[in-house]
Amino acid sequence: MSIKDIVHRCRETNDYASLVSAIPYACTIGMGCMKAGDEVIFTLPANHSNIGNPTLPAIHGGVLGGFIEQSAQLHLLMMMETPTFPKVVDLSIDYLSAGLFRDSFAECKVLRMGRRIANVSVVVWQAKKEEPVATARAHLLLS
């Protein structure tokens, strides 16, 4: 089944879990998706395989970065009229604090979407949305 078909089916059912499960890396890190009204929240459950620092324990920075990248791409894919998988041109991540061994959540906002390039911001938090663990800005190629 193509990405277009998966996105269309997800829009009809308002359940984007099958879209997330179609991405191998998202499955590897255990990524999920919750839709609440118009908002989409991406989830990264506390998995032992995602730990980078076992003494804290804390999530590996690369896993957190991959979660941010996948969240931006999937969010944009959900918003596009003609869904094609966007490619990351540039990703800038600000790690604000250690991502402890807890469930993590990401919220994305499309700041600008042109014909070829989109700009997406991502905020990742664990305990409180007002206390982000990381923020990011991504530029993605749409065609």
C-alpha atoms as a PDB file:
ATOM      1  CA  MET A   1       0.000   0.000   0.000  1.00  0.00           C
ATOM      2  CA  SER A   2       1.399   3.429  -0.919  1.00  0.00           C
ATOM      3  CA  ILE A   3       1.853   6.368   1.450  1.00  0.00           C
ATOM      4  CA  LYS A   4      -0.944   8.224  -0.368  1.00  0.00           C
ATOM      5  CA  ASP A   5      -3.346   5.348   0.266  1.00  0.00           C
ATOM      6  CA  ILE A   6      -2.339   5.080   3.920  1.00  0.00           C
ATOM      7  CA  VAL A   7      -2.776   8.839   4.469  1.00  0.00           C
ATOM      8  CA  HIS A   8      -6.183   8.855   2.761  1.00  0.00           C
ATOM      9  CA  ARG A   9      -7.350   5.919   4.875  1.00  0.00           C
ATOM     10  CA  CYS A  10      -6.037   7.608   8.048  1.00  0.00           C
ATOM     11  CA  ARG A  11      -7.915  10.810   7.193  1.00  0.00           C
ATOM     12  CA  GLU A  12     -11.143   8.872   6.701  1.00  0.00           C
ATOM     13  CA  THR A  13     -10.836   7.022  10.024  1.00  0.00           C
ATOM     14  CA  ASN A  14      -9.130   9.903  11.898  1.00  0.00           C
ATOM     15  CA  ASP A  15      -6.618   7.336  13.219  1.00  0.00           C
ATOM     16  CA  TYR A  16      -2.994   7.888  12.217  1.00  0.00           C
ATOM     17  CA  ALA A  17      -1.506   4.851  13.986  1.00  0.00           C
ATOM     18  CA  SER A  18      -1.234   2.912  10.723  1.00  0.00           C
ATOM     19  CA  LEU A  19       0.748   5.773   9.168  1.00  0.00           C
ATOM     20  CA  VAL A  20       3.250   5.758  12.024  1.00  0.00           C
ATOM     21  CA  SER A  21       3.492   1.952  11.903  1.00  0.00           C
ATOM     22  CA  ALA A  22       4.330   2.128   8.165  1.00  0.00           C
ATOM     23  CA  ILE A  23       7.657   3.835   9.010  1.00  0.00           C
ATOM     24  CA  PRO A  24      10.295   1.259  10.083  1.00  0.00           C
ATOM     25  CA  TYR A  25      12.358   3.645  12.249  1.00  0.00           C
ATOM     26  CA  ALA A  26       9.237   4.888  14.036  1.00  0.00           C
ATOM     27  CA  CYS A  27       8.418   1.260  14.874  1.00  0.00           C
ATOM     28  CA  THR A  28      11.981   0.599  16.045  1.00  0.00           C
ATOM     29  CA  ILE A  29      11.887   3.384  18.653  1.00  0.00           C
ATOM     30  CA  GLY A  30       8.260   2.630  19.571  1.00  0.00           C
ATOM     31  CA  MET A  31       6.821   5.903  18.304  1.00  0.00           C
ATOM     32  CA  GLY A  32       3.067   6.474  18.446  1.00  0.00           C
ATOM     33  CA  CYS A  33       0.507   9.130  17.631  1.00  0.00           C
ATOM     34  CA  MET A  34      -2.557  10.533  19.394  1.00  0.00           C
ATOM     35  CA  LYS A  35      -5.119  12.782  17.741  1.00  0.00           C
ATOM     36  CA  ALA A  36      -7.069  15.112  20.038  1.00  0.00           C
ATOM     37  CA  GLY A  37      -9.397  17.313  18.030  1.00  0.00           C
ATOM     38  CA  ASP A  38      -7.263  19.129  15.481  1.00  0.00           C
ATOM     39  CA  GLU A  39      -4.068  18.551  17.475  1.00  0.00           C
ATOM     40  CA  VAL A  40      -1.691  15.668  16.853  1.00  0.00           C
ATOM     41  CA  ILE A  41       0.661  14.578  19.631  1.00  0.00           C
ATOM     42  CA  PHE A  42       3.454  12.147  18.830  1.00  0.00           C
ATOM     43  CA  THR A  43       4.565   9.809  21.608  1.00  0.00           C
ATOM     44  CA  LEU A  44       7.842   8.110  22.443  1.00  0.00           C
ATOM     45  CA  PRO A  45       7.314   5.581  25.237  1.00  0.00           C
ATOM     46  CA  ALA A  46      10.052   4.790  27.728  1.00  0.00           C
ATOM     47  CA  ASN A  47      11.816   1.794  26.111  1.00  0.00           C
ATOM     48  CA  HIS A  48      15.017   0.292  27.525  1.00  0.00           C
ATOM     49  CA  SER A  49      16.402   0.026  23.986  1.00  0.00           C
ATOM     50  CA  ASN A  50      16.246   3.852  23.670  1.00  0.00           C
ATOM     51  CA  ILE A  51      18.495   4.532  26.683  1.00  0.00           C
ATOM     52  CA  GLY A  52      21.798   6.251  25.939  1.00  0.00           C
ATOM     53  CA  ASN A  53      23.011   6.984  29.478  1.00  0.00           C
ATOM     54  CA  PRO A  54      22.211   4.098  31.829  1.00  0.00           C
ATOM     55  CA  THR A  55      23.456   5.912  34.947  1.00  0.00           C
ATOM     56  CA  LEU A  56      20.752   8.625  34.818  1.00  0.00           C
ATOM     57  CA  PRO A  57      18.993   6.788  32.926  1.00  0.00           C
ATOM     58  CA  ALA A  58      18.354   9.057  29.938  1.00  0.00           C
ATOM     59  CA  ILE A  59      17.144   8.659  26.358  1.00  0.00           C
ATOM     60  CA  HIS A  60      19.909   8.633  23.752  1.00  0.00           C
ATOM     61  CA  GLY A  61      20.184  12.023  22.007  1.00  0.00           C
ATOM     62  CA  GLY A  62      20.101  10.345  18.597  1.00  0.00           C
ATOM     63  CA  VAL A  63      16.835   8.605  19.448  1.00  0.00           C
ATOM     64  CA  LEU A  64      15.375  11.921  20.586  1.00  0.00           C
ATOM     65  CA  GLY A  65      16.650  13.552  17.376  1.00  0.00           C
ATOM     66  CA  GLY A  66      15.145  10.780  15.252  1.00  0.00           C
ATOM     67  CA  PHE A  67      11.848  11.141  17.122  1.00  0.00           C
ATOM     68  CA  ILE A  68      11.868  14.878  16.376  1.00  0.00           C
ATOM     69  CA  GLU A  69      12.678  14.331  12.694  1.00  0.00           C
ATOM     70  CA  GLN A  70      10.010  11.655  12.240  1.00  0.00           C
ATOM     71  CA  SER A  71       7.437  13.805  14.066  1.00  0.00           C
ATOM     72  CA  ALA A  72       8.081  16.763  11.747  1.00  0.00           C
ATOM     73  CA  GLN A  73       7.873  14.604   8.618  1.00  0.00           C
ATOM     74  CA  LEU A  74       4.712  12.783   9.699  1.00  0.00           C
ATOM     75  CA  HIS A  75       2.990  15.965  10.852  1.00  0.00           C
ATOM     76  CA  LEU A  76       3.678  17.615   7.513  1.00  0.00           C
ATOM     77  CA  LEU A  77       2.542  14.503   5.657  1.00  0.00           C
ATOM     78  CA  MET A  78      -0.770  14.664   7.536  1.00  0.00           C
ATOM     79  CA  MET A  79      -1.262  18.327   6.571  1.00  0.00           C
ATOM     80  CA  MET A  80      -0.435  18.064   2.861  1.00  0.00           C
ATOM     81  CA  GLU A  81      -3.189  18.007   0.248  1.00  0.00           C
ATOM     82  CA  THR A  82      -1.284  15.592  -1.970  1.00  0.00           C
ATOM     83  CA  PRO A  83       0.737  13.451   0.426  1.00  0.00           C
ATOM     84  CA  THR A  84       4.291  12.647  -0.606  1.00  0.00           C
ATOM     85  CA  PHE A  85       6.905  11.819   1.994  1.00  0.00           C
ATOM     86  CA  PRO A  86       8.823  15.069   2.745  1.00  0.00           C
ATOM     87  CA  LYS A  87      12.617  15.008   2.820  1.00  0.00           C
ATOM     88  CA  VAL A  88      14.588  16.823   5.509  1.00  0.00           C
ATOM     89  CA  VAL A  89      16.736  19.631   4.121  1.00  0.00           C
ATOM     90  CA  ASP A  90      17.835  21.079   7.451  1.00  0.00           C
ATOM     91  CA  LEU A  91      17.131  20.195  11.083  1.00  0.00           C
ATOM     92  CA  SER A  92      18.278  22.285  14.029  1.00  0.00           C
ATOM     93  CA  ILE A  93      17.702  20.813  17.498  1.00  0.00           C
ATOM     94  CA  ASP A  94      18.130  22.579  20.829  1.00  0.00           C
ATOM     95  CA  TYR A  95      18.535  20.017  23.628  1.00  0.00           C
ATOM     96  CA  LEU A  96      17.319  21.896  26.703  1.00  0.00           C
ATOM     97  CA  SER A  97      17.575  19.196  29.383  1.00  0.00           C
ATOM     98  CA  ALA A  98      18.197  15.472  29.728  1.00  0.00           C
ATOM     99  CA  GLY A  99      15.437  13.326  28.318  1.00  0.00           C
ATOM    100  CA  LEU A 100      14.958  11.084  31.324  1.00  0.00           C
ATOM    101  CA  PHE A 101      13.616   7.534  31.134  1.00  0.00           C
ATOM    102  CA  ARG A 102       9.962   8.583  30.822  1.00  0.00           C
ATOM    103  CA  ASP A 103       7.385   8.845  28.095  1.00  0.00           C
ATOM    104  CA  SER A 104       8.093  11.774  25.787  1.00  0.00           C
ATOM    105  CA  PHE A 105       5.643  13.793  23.693  1.00  0.00           C
ATOM    106  CA  ALA A 106       6.088  16.027  20.640  1.00  0.00           C
ATOM    107  CA  GLU A 107       3.880  18.696  19.143  1.00  0.00           C
ATOM    108  CA  CYS A 108       4.566  20.176  15.719  1.00  0.00           C
ATOM    109  CA  LYS A 109       3.465  23.399  14.071  1.00  0.00           C
ATOM    110  CA  VAL A 110       3.779  24.226  10.396  1.00  0.00           C
ATOM    111  CA  LEU A 111       5.195  27.738  10.384  1.00  0.00           C
ATOM    112  CA  ARG A 112       5.234  28.119   6.615  1.00  0.00           C
ATOM    113  CA  MET A 113       4.373  25.838   3.725  1.00  0.00           C
ATOM    114  CA  GLY A 114       5.281  26.887   0.217  1.00  0.00           C
ATOM    115  CA  ARG A 115       5.105  24.940  -3.015  1.00  0.00           C
ATOM    116  CA  ARG A 116       8.461  23.218  -2.485  1.00  0.00           C
ATOM    117  CA  ILE A 117       9.674  23.885   1.066  1.00  0.00           C
ATOM    118  CA  ALA A 118       7.966  23.794   4.469  1.00  0.00           C
ATOM    119  CA  ASN A 119       9.176  25.077   7.838  1.00  0.00           C
ATOM    120  CA  VAL A 120       8.065  23.098  10.899  1.00  0.00           C
ATOM    121  CA  SER A 121       8.737  23.724  14.597  1.00  0.00           C
ATOM    122  CA  VAL A 122       8.750  20.859  17.109  1.00  0.00           C
ATOM    123  CA  VAL A 123       8.520  20.956  20.905  1.00  0.00           C
ATOM    124  CA  VAL A 124       9.306  17.823  22.958  1.00  0.00           C
ATOM    125  CA  TRP A 125       8.361  17.480  26.628  1.00  0.00           C
ATOM    126  CA  GLN A 126       8.020  14.798  29.262  1.00  0.00           C
ATOM    127  CA  ALA A 127       6.361  15.837  32.518  1.00  0.00           C
ATOM    128  CA  LYS A 128       4.979  19.277  31.635  1.00  0.00           C
ATOM    129  CA  LYS A 129       4.416  20.843  28.241  1.00  0.00           C
ATOM    130  CA  GLU A 130       5.667  24.146  29.686  1.00  0.00           C
ATOM    131  CA  GLU A 131       9.062  22.518  30.448  1.00  0.00           C
ATOM    132  CA  PRO A 132      10.374  21.268  27.084  1.00  0.00           C
ATOM    133  CA  VAL A 133      13.222  18.777  26.860  1.00  0.00           C
ATOM    134  CA  ALA A 134      14.063  19.854  23.303  1.00  0.00           C
ATOM    135  CA  THR A 135      12.895  22.203  20.581  1.00  0.00           C
ATOM    136  CA  ALA A 136      13.641  22.044  16.881  1.00  0.00           C
ATOM    137  CA  ARG A 137      13.188  23.776  13.550  1.00  0.00           C
ATOM    138  CA  ALA A 138      13.032  21.737  10.364  1.00  0.00           C
ATOM    139  CA  HIS A 139      13.015  22.684   6.694  1.00  0.00           C
ATOM    140  CA  LEU A 140      11.537  19.965   4.517  1.00  0.00           C
ATOM    141  CA  LEU A 141      11.417  19.459   0.766  1.00  0.00           C
ATOM    142  CA  LEU A 142       7.864  18.723  -0.401  1.00  0.00           C
ATOM    143  CA  SER A 143       8.427  17.349  -3.902  1.00  0.00           C
END
